[in-house]
Amino acid sequence: MQRETIEKLPMLLSYGDLLNMGFSKGMIQNIIYKTSETGVVMIGKKRMVQRDELLKWLDKQKISAEDRGTLQSKAR
C-alpha cells in the first residue's frame, strides 16, 4: 500500500473499513478477537483496530521467499 493511501486511512479502523481493505470476514474475526498484536480498542461495545498497529502486525506476517519455498514443497 502506498504511503499516501495509508495516511488517508482513519487512525481507528472499523469492521467495515477492514472489509473495504479486502479482508475476509474470517480474517477480520481473527484480527479483532484472536490476535492481541493488532491494537484493538474498545469504544463502548464497538471494537476498532489501530491503523498503525495493524500495519506493524501485517509486516510481521510477511513470509520470506525461502519460507515460501519450504511451504510449497511441503504441500506437494
Foldseek 3Di string as FASTA:
>chain_A
DDPVVLVPDDQWAFPVNVVVVPDDPVRVCCLFPPDPQQQWDDDPNGITGGSVSNVVVVVVVDDDPVRVVVVVVVVD
